[in-house]
Amino acid sequence: MAEERAEATVIPLRPAPAREPLVRDGMGRVLRRIRQEQGRTLDDVSSQARVSMPYLSEIERGRKEASSEVLSALCGALEIAPSKLLMLTGRELAGADSRRRVSRGPSPVVMLAA
């Protein structure tokens, strides 16, 4: 007679912590979006930035982390300021709509009556 064995189900006490997105993932998505919005090809941008097309593709897919020199060259080829790339990347990572304009004025102050 075969003995039946019940298998225990393991229920975690806490859910696994969510993985923080990597900067290279967000930056890659932003670079690809900008390039595509400009109607440009990988070949065009990589040639102008003097990086290989496969390397640019890997950067856009978040597989490679570009040096500041490569990012500067890509920003030059895409005609955007590096500071704008960083700002858009921050928004991408935060989940905000990266095409919204950043407010330049001070934050509104809310006063509560005592």
PDB file of N, CA and C in Angstrom:
ATOM      1  N   MET A   1       0.823  -1.168   0.000  1.00  0.00           N
ATOM      2  CA  MET A   1       0.000   0.000   0.000  1.00  0.00           C
ATOM      3  C   MET A   1       0.887   1.260   0.000  1.00  0.00           C
ATOM      4  N   ALA A   2       0.699   2.128  -0.972  1.00  0.00           N
ATOM      5  CA  ALA A   2       1.509   3.332  -1.085  1.00  0.00           C
ATOM      6  C   ALA A   2       1.032   4.361  -0.075  1.00  0.00           C
ATOM      7  N   GLU A   3       1.979   4.931   0.601  1.00  0.00           N
ATOM      8  CA  GLU A   3       1.630   5.934   1.603  1.00  0.00           C
ATOM      9  C   GLU A   3       1.500   7.299   0.929  1.00  0.00           C
ATOM     10  N   GLU A   4       0.404   7.958   1.145  1.00  0.00           N
ATOM     11  CA  GLU A   4       0.200   9.294   0.569  1.00  0.00           C
ATOM     12  C   GLU A   4       0.817  10.320   1.495  1.00  0.00           C
ATOM     13  N   ARG A   5       1.453  11.283   0.876  1.00  0.00           N
ATOM     14  CA  ARG A   5       2.116  12.313   1.649  1.00  0.00           C
ATOM     15  C   ARG A   5       1.539  13.668   1.291  1.00  0.00           C
ATOM     16  N   ALA A   6       1.087  14.394   2.243  1.00  0.00           N
ATOM     17  CA  ALA A   6       0.562  15.740   2.000  1.00  0.00           C
ATOM     18  C   ALA A   6       1.730  16.716   1.965  1.00  0.00           C
ATOM     19  N   GLU A   7       1.697  17.591   0.998  1.00  0.00           N
ATOM     20  CA  GLU A   7       2.750  18.593   0.903  1.00  0.00           C
ATOM     21  C   GLU A   7       2.274  19.872   1.551  1.00  0.00           C
ATOM     22  N   ALA A   8       3.125  20.451   2.343  1.00  0.00           N
ATOM     23  CA  ALA A   8       2.786  21.697   3.026  1.00  0.00           C
ATOM     24  C   ALA A   8       2.967  22.869   2.077  1.00  0.00           C
ATOM     25  N   THR A   9       2.060  23.807   2.167  1.00  0.00           N
ATOM     26  CA  THR A   9       2.169  25.029   1.379  1.00  0.00           C
ATOM     27  C   THR A   9       2.849  26.079   2.241  1.00  0.00           C
ATOM     28  N   VAL A  10       3.867  26.700   1.706  1.00  0.00           N
ATOM     29  CA  VAL A  10       4.590  27.735   2.435  1.00  0.00           C
ATOM     30  C   VAL A  10       3.974  29.080   2.095  1.00  0.00           C
ATOM     31  N   ILE A  11       3.538  29.763   3.125  1.00  0.00           N
ATOM     32  CA  ILE A  11       2.954  31.094   2.938  1.00  0.00           C
ATOM     33  C   ILE A  11       3.925  32.091   3.552  1.00  0.00           C
ATOM     34  N   PRO A  12       4.469  32.996   2.732  1.00  0.00           N
ATOM     35  CA  PRO A  12       5.432  33.961   3.278  1.00  0.00           C
ATOM     36  C   PRO A  12       4.756  34.907   4.260  1.00  0.00           C
ATOM     37  N   LEU A  13       5.475  35.265   5.315  1.00  0.00           N
ATOM     38  CA  LEU A  13       4.937  36.192   6.301  1.00  0.00           C
ATOM     39  C   LEU A  13       4.832  37.602   5.740  1.00  0.00           C
ATOM     40  N   ARG A  14       5.787  37.949   4.922  1.00  0.00           N
ATOM     41  CA  ARG A  14       5.797  39.271   4.289  1.00  0.00           C
ATOM     42  C   ARG A  14       5.961  39.098   2.793  1.00  0.00           C
ATOM     43  N   PRO A  15       5.312  39.952   2.019  1.00  0.00           N
ATOM     44  CA  PRO A  15       5.550  39.863   0.575  1.00  0.00           C
ATOM     45  C   PRO A  15       6.988  40.271   0.274  1.00  0.00           C
ATOM     46  N   ALA A  16       7.517  39.710  -0.794  1.00  0.00           N
ATOM     47  CA  ALA A  16       8.873  40.060  -1.206  1.00  0.00           C
ATOM     48  C   ALA A  16       8.919  41.547  -1.549  1.00  0.00           C
ATOM     49  N   PRO A  17       9.985  42.222  -1.148  1.00  0.00           N
ATOM     50  CA  PRO A  17      10.068  43.655  -1.456  1.00  0.00           C
ATOM     51  C   PRO A  17      10.102  43.875  -2.958  1.00  0.00           C
ATOM     52  N   ALA A  18       9.425  44.941  -3.372  1.00  0.00           N
ATOM     53  CA  ALA A  18       9.405  45.276  -4.799  1.00  0.00           C
ATOM     54  C   ALA A  18      10.805  45.696  -5.224  1.00  0.00           C
ATOM     55  N   ARG A  19      11.217  45.261  -6.390  1.00  0.00           N
ATOM     56  CA  ARG A  19      12.531  45.603  -6.924  1.00  0.00           C
ATOM     57  C   ARG A  19      12.506  47.038  -7.408  1.00  0.00           C
ATOM     58  N   GLU A  20      13.425  47.826  -6.897  1.00  0.00           N
ATOM     59  CA  GLU A  20      13.544  49.205  -7.353  1.00  0.00           C
ATOM     60  C   GLU A  20      14.009  49.189  -8.805  1.00  0.00           C
ATOM     61  N   PRO A  21      13.413  50.035  -9.635  1.00  0.00           N
ATOM     62  CA  PRO A  21      13.875  50.062 -11.028  1.00  0.00           C
ATOM     63  C   PRO A  21      15.296  50.612 -11.094  1.00  0.00           C
ATOM     64  N   LEU A  22      16.051  50.090 -12.020  1.00  0.00           N
ATOM     65  CA  LEU A  22      17.421  50.558 -12.204  1.00  0.00           C
ATOM     66  C   LEU A  22      17.429  51.831 -13.029  1.00  0.00           C
ATOM     67  N   VAL A  23      18.374  52.700 -12.724  1.00  0.00           N
ATOM     68  CA  VAL A  23      18.497  53.961 -13.472  1.00  0.00           C
ATOM     69  C   VAL A  23      18.704  53.667 -14.948  1.00  0.00           C
ATOM     70  N   ARG A  24      19.509  52.651 -15.269  1.00  0.00           N
ATOM     71  CA  ARG A  24      19.782  52.360 -16.675  1.00  0.00           C
ATOM     72  C   ARG A  24      18.524  51.933 -17.423  1.00  0.00           C
ATOM     73  N   ASP A  25      17.573  51.282 -16.737  1.00  0.00           N
ATOM     74  CA  ASP A  25      16.309  50.916 -17.388  1.00  0.00           C
ATOM     75  C   ASP A  25      15.505  52.160 -17.756  1.00  0.00           C
ATOM     76  N   GLY A  26      15.347  53.053 -16.791  1.00  0.00           N
ATOM     77  CA  GLY A  26      14.587  54.279 -17.041  1.00  0.00           C
ATOM     78  C   GLY A  26      15.245  55.172 -18.070  1.00  0.00           C
ATOM     79  N   MET A  27      16.564  55.310 -17.970  1.00  0.00           N
ATOM     80  CA  MET A  27      17.283  56.160 -18.916  1.00  0.00           C
ATOM     81  C   MET A  27      17.201  55.580 -20.327  1.00  0.00           C
ATOM     82  N   GLY A  28      17.290  54.277 -20.435  1.00  0.00           N
ATOM     83  CA  GLY A  28      17.168  53.638 -21.748  1.00  0.00           C
ATOM     84  C   GLY A  28      15.813  53.889 -22.382  1.00  0.00           C
ATOM     85  N   ARG A  29      14.748  53.783 -21.561  1.00  0.00           N
ATOM     86  CA  ARG A  29      13.399  54.046 -22.090  1.00  0.00           C
ATOM     87  C   ARG A  29      13.264  55.495 -22.548  1.00  0.00           C
ATOM     88  N   VAL A  30      13.832  56.411 -21.777  1.00  0.00           N
ATOM     89  CA  VAL A  30      13.763  57.839 -22.141  1.00  0.00           C
ATOM     90  C   VAL A  30      14.540  58.099 -23.431  1.00  0.00           C
ATOM     91  N   LEU A  31      15.748  57.552 -23.540  1.00  0.00           N
ATOM     92  CA  LEU A  31      16.543  57.757 -24.758  1.00  0.00           C
ATOM     93  C   LEU A  31      15.819  57.208 -25.986  1.00  0.00           C
ATOM     94  N   ARG A  32      15.246  56.018 -25.852  1.00  0.00           N
ATOM     95  CA  ARG A  32      14.521  55.425 -26.983  1.00  0.00           C
ATOM     96  C   ARG A  32      13.309  56.278 -27.365  1.00  0.00           C
ATOM     97  N   ARG A  33      12.559  56.728 -26.349  1.00  0.00           N
ATOM     98  CA  ARG A  33      11.366  57.548 -26.622  1.00  0.00           C
ATOM     99  C   ARG A  33      11.750  58.833 -27.343  1.00  0.00           C
ATOM    100  N   ILE A  34      12.814  59.496 -26.886  1.00  0.00           N
ATOM    101  CA  ILE A  34      13.247  60.746 -27.532  1.00  0.00           C
ATOM    102  C   ILE A  34      13.668  60.478 -28.971  1.00  0.00           C
ATOM    103  N   ARG A  35      14.454  59.432 -29.168  1.00  0.00           N
ATOM    104  CA  ARG A  35      14.906  59.097 -30.531  1.00  0.00           C
ATOM    105  C   ARG A  35      13.723  58.818 -31.444  1.00  0.00           C
ATOM    106  N   GLN A  36      12.773  58.035 -30.964  1.00  0.00           N
ATOM    107  CA  GLN A  36      11.615  57.689 -31.789  1.00  0.00           C
ATOM    108  C   GLN A  36      10.718  58.901 -32.032  1.00  0.00           C
ATOM    109  N   GLU A  37      10.570  59.777 -31.030  1.00  0.00           N
ATOM    110  CA  GLU A  37       9.774  60.998 -31.230  1.00  0.00           C
ATOM    111  C   GLU A  37      10.405  61.897 -32.284  1.00  0.00           C
ATOM    112  N   GLN A  38      11.714  61.843 -32.415  1.00  0.00           N
ATOM    113  CA  GLN A  38      12.417  62.626 -33.437  1.00  0.00           C
ATOM    114  C   GLN A  38      12.396  61.930 -34.797  1.00  0.00           C
ATOM    115  N   GLY A  39      11.853  60.711 -34.835  1.00  0.00           N
ATOM    116  CA  GLY A  39      11.783  59.959 -36.088  1.00  0.00           C
ATOM    117  C   GLY A  39      13.146  59.491 -36.575  1.00  0.00           C
ATOM    118  N   ARG A  40      14.057  59.240 -35.643  1.00  0.00           N
ATOM    119  CA  ARG A  40      15.419  58.867 -36.016  1.00  0.00           C
ATOM    120  C   ARG A  40      15.673  57.389 -35.774  1.00  0.00           C
ATOM    121  N   THR A  41      16.621  56.853 -36.489  1.00  0.00           N
ATOM    122  CA  THR A  41      16.961  55.438 -36.380  1.00  0.00           C
ATOM    123  C   THR A  41      18.132  55.253 -35.405  1.00  0.00           C
ATOM    124  N   LEU A  42      18.296  54.022 -34.956  1.00  0.00           N
ATOM    125  CA  LEU A  42      19.461  53.684 -34.130  1.00  0.00           C
ATOM    126  C   LEU A  42      20.751  54.008 -34.881  1.00  0.00           C
ATOM    127  N   ASP A  43      20.778  53.667 -36.151  1.00  0.00           N
ATOM    128  CA  ASP A  43      21.974  53.894 -36.968  1.00  0.00           C
ATOM    129  C   ASP A  43      22.323  55.372 -37.042  1.00  0.00           C
ATOM    130  N   ASP A  44      21.317  56.211 -37.258  1.00  0.00           N
ATOM    131  CA  ASP A  44      21.527  57.652 -37.366  1.00  0.00           C
ATOM    132  C   ASP A  44      22.107  58.223 -36.074  1.00  0.00           C
ATOM    133  N   VAL A  45      21.464  57.915 -34.949  1.00  0.00           N
ATOM    134  CA  VAL A  45      21.893  58.478 -33.662  1.00  0.00           C
ATOM    135  C   VAL A  45      23.242  57.906 -33.243  1.00  0.00           C
ATOM    136  N   SER A  46      23.436  56.601 -33.421  1.00  0.00           N
ATOM    137  CA  SER A  46      24.711  56.005 -33.017  1.00  0.00           C
ATOM    138  C   SER A  46      25.866  56.561 -33.854  1.00  0.00           C
ATOM    139  N   SER A  47      25.641  56.787 -35.137  1.00  0.00           N
ATOM    140  CA  SER A  47      26.689  57.360 -35.990  1.00  0.00           C
ATOM    141  C   SER A  47      27.053  58.764 -35.541  1.00  0.00           C
ATOM    142  N   GLN A  48      26.023  59.568 -35.265  1.00  0.00           N
ATOM    143  CA  GLN A  48      26.272  60.944 -34.858  1.00  0.00           C
ATOM    144  C   GLN A  48      26.942  61.010 -33.484  1.00  0.00           C
ATOM    145  N   ALA A  49      26.586  60.087 -32.584  1.00  0.00           N
ATOM    146  CA  ALA A  49      27.178  60.070 -31.242  1.00  0.00           C
ATOM    147  C   ALA A  49      28.515  59.335 -31.207  1.00  0.00           C
ATOM    148  N   ARG A  50      28.850  58.650 -32.309  1.00  0.00           N
ATOM    149  CA  ARG A  50      30.084  57.876 -32.417  1.00  0.00           C
ATOM    150  C   ARG A  50      30.144  56.721 -31.412  1.00  0.00           C
ATOM    151  N   VAL A  51      28.999  56.023 -31.289  1.00  0.00           N
ATOM    152  CA  VAL A  51      28.941  54.777 -30.516  1.00  0.00           C
ATOM    153  C   VAL A  51      28.386  53.710 -31.454  1.00  0.00           C
ATOM    154  N   SER A  52      28.659  52.470 -31.169  1.00  0.00           N
ATOM    155  CA  SER A  52      28.174  51.420 -32.068  1.00  0.00           C
ATOM    156  C   SER A  52      26.661  51.265 -31.931  1.00  0.00           C
ATOM    157  N   MET A  53      26.035  50.889 -33.021  1.00  0.00           N
ATOM    158  CA  MET A  53      24.582  50.694 -33.022  1.00  0.00           C
ATOM    159  C   MET A  53      24.157  49.608 -32.030  1.00  0.00           C
ATOM    160  N   PRO A  54      24.855  48.452 -31.963  1.00  0.00           N
ATOM    161  CA  PRO A  54      24.460  47.446 -30.968  1.00  0.00           C
ATOM    162  C   PRO A  54      24.582  47.960 -29.529  1.00  0.00           C
ATOM    163  N   TYR A  55      25.608  48.783 -29.271  1.00  0.00           N
ATOM    164  CA  TYR A  55      25.786  49.327 -27.922  1.00  0.00           C
ATOM    165  C   TYR A  55      24.641  50.278 -27.580  1.00  0.00           C
ATOM    166  N   LEU A  56      24.260  51.147 -28.501  1.00  0.00           N
ATOM    167  CA  LEU A  56      23.135  52.050 -28.270  1.00  0.00           C
ATOM    168  C   LEU A  56      21.859  51.250 -28.029  1.00  0.00           C
ATOM    169  N   SER A  57      21.659  50.207 -28.796  1.00  0.00           N
ATOM    170  CA  SER A  57      20.485  49.357 -28.608  1.00  0.00           C
ATOM    171  C   SER A  57      20.468  48.761 -27.202  1.00  0.00           C
ATOM    172  N   GLU A  58      21.629  48.305 -26.739  1.00  0.00           N
ATOM    173  CA  GLU A  58      21.700  47.730 -25.394  1.00  0.00           C
ATOM    174  C   GLU A  58      21.457  48.781 -24.316  1.00  0.00           C
ATOM    175  N   ILE A  59      21.926  49.987 -24.533  1.00  0.00           N
ATOM    176  CA  ILE A  59      21.657  51.077 -23.587  1.00  0.00           C
ATOM    177  C   ILE A  59      20.156  51.341 -23.528  1.00  0.00           C
ATOM    178  N   GLU A  60      19.521  51.443 -24.695  1.00  0.00           N
ATOM    179  CA  GLU A  60      18.081  51.712 -24.738  1.00  0.00           C
ATOM    180  C   GLU A  60      17.257  50.601 -24.084  1.00  0.00           C
ATOM    181  N   ARG A  61      17.740  49.373 -24.139  1.00  0.00           N
ATOM    182  CA  ARG A  61      17.019  48.247 -23.532  1.00  0.00           C
ATOM    183  C   ARG A  61      17.379  48.050 -22.066  1.00  0.00           C
ATOM    184  N   GLY A  62      18.258  48.916 -21.528  1.00  0.00           N
ATOM    185  CA  GLY A  62      18.636  48.823 -20.128  1.00  0.00           C
ATOM    186  C   GLY A  62      19.594  47.696 -19.819  1.00  0.00           C
ATOM    187  N   ARG A  63      20.263  47.178 -20.847  1.00  0.00           N
ATOM    188  CA  ARG A  63      21.200  46.068 -20.643  1.00  0.00           C
ATOM    189  C   ARG A  63      22.619  46.559 -20.325  1.00  0.00           C
ATOM    190  N   LYS A  64      22.917  47.777 -20.745  1.00  0.00           N
ATOM    191  CA  LYS A  64      24.242  48.367 -20.487  1.00  0.00           C
ATOM    192  C   LYS A  64      24.066  49.713 -19.801  1.00  0.00           C
ATOM    193  N   GLU A  65      25.018  50.029 -18.936  1.00  0.00           N
ATOM    194  CA  GLU A  65      25.025  51.315 -18.250  1.00  0.00           C
ATOM    195  C   GLU A  65      26.072  52.192 -18.918  1.00  0.00           C
ATOM    196  N   ALA A  66      25.632  53.267 -19.536  1.00  0.00           N
ATOM    197  CA  ALA A  66      26.529  54.129 -20.305  1.00  0.00           C
ATOM    198  C   ALA A  66      27.339  55.036 -19.390  1.00  0.00           C
ATOM    199  N   SER A  67      28.561  55.327 -19.802  1.00  0.00           N
ATOM    200  CA  SER A  67      29.407  56.273 -19.066  1.00  0.00           C
ATOM    201  C   SER A  67      28.871  57.687 -19.293  1.00  0.00           C
ATOM    202  N   SER A  68      29.352  58.613 -18.479  1.00  0.00           N
ATOM    203  CA  SER A  68      28.926  60.003 -18.647  1.00  0.00           C
ATOM    204  C   SER A  68      29.367  60.546 -20.003  1.00  0.00           C
ATOM    205  N   GLU A  69      30.502  60.081 -20.517  1.00  0.00           N
ATOM    206  CA  GLU A  69      30.971  60.536 -21.825  1.00  0.00           C
ATOM    207  C   GLU A  69      30.039  60.057 -22.932  1.00  0.00           C
ATOM    208  N   VAL A  70      29.604  58.803 -22.858  1.00  0.00           N
ATOM    209  CA  VAL A  70      28.682  58.265 -23.865  1.00  0.00           C
ATOM    210  C   VAL A  70      27.334  58.969 -23.764  1.00  0.00           C
ATOM    211  N   LEU A  71      26.851  59.186 -22.543  1.00  0.00           N
ATOM    212  CA  LEU A  71      25.572  59.892 -22.377  1.00  0.00           C
ATOM    213  C   LEU A  71      25.658  61.306 -22.930  1.00  0.00           C
ATOM    214  N   SER A  72      26.776  61.976 -22.717  1.00  0.00           N
ATOM    215  CA  SER A  72      26.969  63.321 -23.257  1.00  0.00           C
ATOM    216  C   SER A  72      26.932  63.295 -24.781  1.00  0.00           C
ATOM    217  N   ALA A  73      27.576  62.301 -25.379  1.00  0.00           N
ATOM    218  CA  ALA A  73      27.569  62.180 -26.844  1.00  0.00           C
ATOM    219  C   ALA A  73      26.165  61.901 -27.351  1.00  0.00           C
ATOM    220  N   LEU A  74      25.417  61.043 -26.655  1.00  0.00           N
ATOM    221  CA  LEU A  74      24.035  60.744 -27.071  1.00  0.00           C
ATOM    222  C   LEU A  74      23.146  61.971 -26.934  1.00  0.00           C
ATOM    223  N   CYS A  75      23.327  62.722 -25.849  1.00  0.00           N
ATOM    224  CA  CYS A  75      22.547  63.952 -25.681  1.00  0.00           C
ATOM    225  C   CYS A  75      22.859  64.943 -26.798  1.00  0.00           C
ATOM    226  N   GLY A  76      24.128  65.044 -27.171  1.00  0.00           N
ATOM    227  CA  GLY A  76      24.497  65.924 -28.284  1.00  0.00           C
ATOM    228  C   GLY A  76      23.836  65.487 -29.578  1.00  0.00           C
ATOM    229  N   ALA A  77      23.846  64.181 -29.837  1.00  0.00           N
ATOM    230  CA  ALA A  77      23.238  63.663 -31.066  1.00  0.00           C
ATOM    231  C   ALA A  77      21.727  63.868 -31.069  1.00  0.00           C
ATOM    232  N   LEU A  78      21.109  63.785 -29.895  1.00  0.00           N
ATOM    233  CA  LEU A  78      19.649  63.953 -29.793  1.00  0.00           C
ATOM    234  C   LEU A  78      19.253  65.411 -29.552  1.00  0.00           C
ATOM    235  N   GLU A  79      20.262  66.286 -29.416  1.00  0.00           N
ATOM    236  CA  GLU A  79      20.053  67.716 -29.195  1.00  0.00           C
ATOM    237  C   GLU A  79      19.209  67.997 -27.958  1.00  0.00           C
ATOM    238  N   ILE A  80      19.577  67.330 -26.848  1.00  0.00           N
ATOM    239  CA  ILE A  80      18.945  67.611 -25.562  1.00  0.00           C
ATOM    240  C   ILE A  80      20.048  67.832 -24.532  1.00  0.00           C
ATOM    241  N   ALA A  81      19.756  68.617 -23.530  1.00  0.00           N
ATOM    242  CA  ALA A  81      20.729  68.861 -22.464  1.00  0.00           C
ATOM    243  C   ALA A  81      20.818  67.623 -21.570  1.00  0.00           C
ATOM    244  N   PRO A  82      22.012  67.295 -21.110  1.00  0.00           N
ATOM    245  CA  PRO A  82      22.127  66.169 -20.179  1.00  0.00           C
ATOM    246  C   PRO A  82      21.238  66.327 -18.946  1.00  0.00           C
ATOM    247  N   SER A  83      21.067  67.564 -18.490  1.00  0.00           N
ATOM    248  CA  SER A  83      20.199  67.803 -17.322  1.00  0.00           C
ATOM    249  C   SER A  83      18.755  67.422 -17.631  1.00  0.00           C
ATOM    250  N   LYS A  84      18.319  67.633 -18.864  1.00  0.00           N
ATOM    251  CA  LYS A  84      16.954  67.243 -19.246  1.00  0.00           C
ATOM    252  C   LYS A  84      16.832  65.717 -19.275  1.00  0.00           C
ATOM    253  N   LEU A  85      17.865  65.044 -19.768  1.00  0.00           N
ATOM    254  CA  LEU A  85      17.843  63.581 -19.766  1.00  0.00           C
ATOM    255  C   LEU A  85      17.717  63.062 -18.333  1.00  0.00           C
ATOM    256  N   LEU A  86      18.479  63.645 -17.412  1.00  0.00           N
ATOM    257  CA  LEU A  86      18.411  63.215 -16.020  1.00  0.00           C
ATOM    258  C   LEU A  86      17.043  63.502 -15.410  1.00  0.00           C
ATOM    259  N   MET A  87      16.477  64.665 -15.716  1.00  0.00           N
ATOM    260  CA  MET A  87      15.159  65.017 -15.196  1.00  0.00           C
ATOM    261  C   MET A  87      14.096  64.046 -15.716  1.00  0.00           C
ATOM    262  N   LEU A  88      14.119  63.774 -17.019  1.00  0.00           N
ATOM    263  CA  LEU A  88      13.140  62.859 -17.605  1.00  0.00           C
ATOM    264  C   LEU A  88      13.316  61.439 -17.070  1.00  0.00           C
ATOM    265  N   THR A  89      14.559  61.054 -16.834  1.00  0.00           N
ATOM    266  CA  THR A  89      14.824  59.730 -16.268  1.00  0.00           C
ATOM    267  C   THR A  89      14.260  59.631 -14.857  1.00  0.00           C
ATOM    268  N   GLY A  90      14.443  60.676 -14.074  1.00  0.00           N
ATOM    269  CA  GLY A  90      13.886  60.696 -12.720  1.00  0.00           C
ATOM    270  C   GLY A  90      12.376  60.544 -12.737  1.00  0.00           C
ATOM    271  N   ARG A  91      11.744  61.246 -13.640  1.00  0.00           N
ATOM    272  CA  ARG A  91      10.281  61.135 -13.764  1.00  0.00           C
ATOM    273  C   ARG A  91       9.870  59.737 -14.215  1.00  0.00           C
ATOM    274  N   GLU A  92      10.627  59.187 -15.146  1.00  0.00           N
ATOM    275  CA  GLU A  92      10.340  57.837 -15.639  1.00  0.00           C
ATOM    276  C   GLU A  92      10.421  56.832 -14.492  1.00  0.00           C
ATOM    277  N   LEU A  93      11.440  56.964 -13.672  1.00  0.00           N
ATOM    278  CA  LEU A  93      11.616  56.046 -12.556  1.00  0.00           C
ATOM    279  C   LEU A  93      10.555  56.244 -11.482  1.00  0.00           C
ATOM    280  N   ALA A  94      10.095  57.474 -11.331  1.00  0.00           N
ATOM    281  CA  ALA A  94       9.064  57.765 -10.336  1.00  0.00           C
ATOM    282  C   ALA A  94       7.674  57.403 -10.847  1.00  0.00           C
ATOM    283  N   GLY A  95       7.581  57.097 -12.130  1.00  0.00           N
ATOM    284  CA  GLY A  95       6.292  56.726 -12.699  1.00  0.00           C
ATOM    285  C   GLY A  95       5.452  57.902 -13.163  1.00  0.00           C
ATOM    286  N   ALA A  96       6.055  59.091 -13.184  1.00  0.00           N
ATOM    287  CA  ALA A  96       5.325  60.286 -13.619  1.00  0.00           C
ATOM    288  C   ALA A  96       5.332  60.376 -15.136  1.00  0.00           C
ATOM    289  N   ASP A  97       4.393  61.129 -15.663  1.00  0.00           N
ATOM    290  CA  ASP A  97       4.350  61.379 -17.103  1.00  0.00           C
ATOM    291  C   ASP A  97       5.525  62.281 -17.450  1.00  0.00           C
ATOM    292  N   SER A  98       6.486  61.758 -18.203  1.00  0.00           N
ATOM    293  CA  SER A  98       7.712  62.495 -18.490  1.00  0.00           C
ATOM    294  C   SER A  98       7.541  63.614 -19.507  1.00  0.00           C
ATOM    295  N   ARG A  99       6.353  63.765 -20.078  1.00  0.00           N
ATOM    296  CA  ARG A  99       6.160  64.835 -21.051  1.00  0.00           C
ATOM    297  C   ARG A  99       5.521  66.072 -20.437  1.00  0.00           C
ATOM    298  N   ARG A 100       5.174  66.003 -19.147  1.00  0.00           N
ATOM    299  CA  ARG A 100       4.578  67.150 -18.472  1.00  0.00           C
ATOM    300  C   ARG A 100       5.637  68.196 -18.183  1.00  0.00           C
ATOM    301  N   ARG A 101       5.237  69.457 -18.208  1.00  0.00           N
ATOM    302  CA  ARG A 101       6.166  70.545 -17.925  1.00  0.00           C
ATOM    303  C   ARG A 101       6.397  70.630 -16.417  1.00  0.00           C
ATOM    304  N   VAL A 102       7.643  70.888 -16.031  1.00  0.00           N
ATOM    305  CA  VAL A 102       7.973  71.058 -14.629  1.00  0.00           C
ATOM    306  C   VAL A 102       7.599  72.467 -14.213  1.00  0.00           C
ATOM    307  N   SER A 103       6.929  72.593 -13.082  1.00  0.00           N
ATOM    308  CA  SER A 103       6.563  73.899 -12.557  1.00  0.00           C
ATOM    309  C   SER A 103       7.820  74.655 -12.155  1.00  0.00           C
ATOM    310  N   ARG A 104       7.907  75.903 -12.523  1.00  0.00           N
ATOM    311  CA  ARG A 104       9.089  76.699 -12.191  1.00  0.00           C
ATOM    312  C   ARG A 104       8.880  77.512 -10.910  1.00  0.00           C
ATOM    313  N   GLY A 105       7.626  77.715 -10.500  1.00  0.00           N
ATOM    314  CA  GLY A 105       7.343  78.547  -9.342  1.00  0.00           C
ATOM    315  C   GLY A 105       7.423  77.773  -8.048  1.00  0.00           C
ATOM    316  N   PRO A 106       7.262  78.503  -6.941  1.00  0.00           N
ATOM    317  CA  PRO A 106       7.299  77.840  -5.634  1.00  0.00           C
ATOM    318  C   PRO A 106       6.072  76.987  -5.429  1.00  0.00           C
ATOM    319  N   SER A 107       6.190  76.019  -4.552  1.00  0.00           N
ATOM    320  CA  SER A 107       5.059  75.166  -4.227  1.00  0.00           C
ATOM    321  C   SER A 107       4.025  75.980  -3.468  1.00  0.00           C
ATOM    322  N   PRO A 108       2.720  75.697  -3.697  1.00  0.00           N
ATOM    323  CA  PRO A 108       1.704  76.452  -2.974  1.00  0.00           C
ATOM    324  C   PRO A 108       1.774  76.113  -1.479  1.00  0.00           C
ATOM    325  N   VAL A 109       1.473  77.107  -0.657  1.00  0.00           N
ATOM    326  CA  VAL A 109       1.501  76.921   0.780  1.00  0.00           C
ATOM    327  C   VAL A 109       0.059  76.840   1.266  1.00  0.00           C
ATOM    328  N   VAL A 110      -0.233  75.862   2.077  1.00  0.00           N
ATOM    329  CA  VAL A 110      -1.564  75.699   2.639  1.00  0.00           C
ATOM    330  C   VAL A 110      -1.467  76.044   4.119  1.00  0.00           C
ATOM    331  N   MET A 111      -2.291  76.993   4.552  1.00  0.00           N
ATOM    332  CA  MET A 111      -2.272  77.399   5.959  1.00  0.00           C
ATOM    333  C   MET A 111      -3.536  76.849   6.623  1.00  0.00           C
ATOM    334  N   LEU A 112      -3.367  76.287   7.781  1.00  0.00           N
ATOM    335  CA  LEU A 112      -4.487  75.749   8.520  1.00  0.00           C
ATOM    336  C   LEU A 112      -4.778  76.660   9.699  1.00  0.00           C
ATOM    337  N   ALA A 113      -6.082  76.908   9.960  1.00  0.00           N
ATOM    338  CA  ALA A 113      -6.465  77.729  11.100  1.00  0.00           C
ATOM    339  C   ALA A 113      -6.324  76.926  12.373  1.00  0.00           C
ATOM    340  N   ALA A 114      -5.893  77.608  13.435  1.00  0.00           N
ATOM    341  CA  ALA A 114      -5.695  76.906  14.709  1.00  0.00           C
ATOM    342  C   ALA A 114      -6.994  76.750  15.466  1.00  0.00           C
TER     343      ALA A 114
END
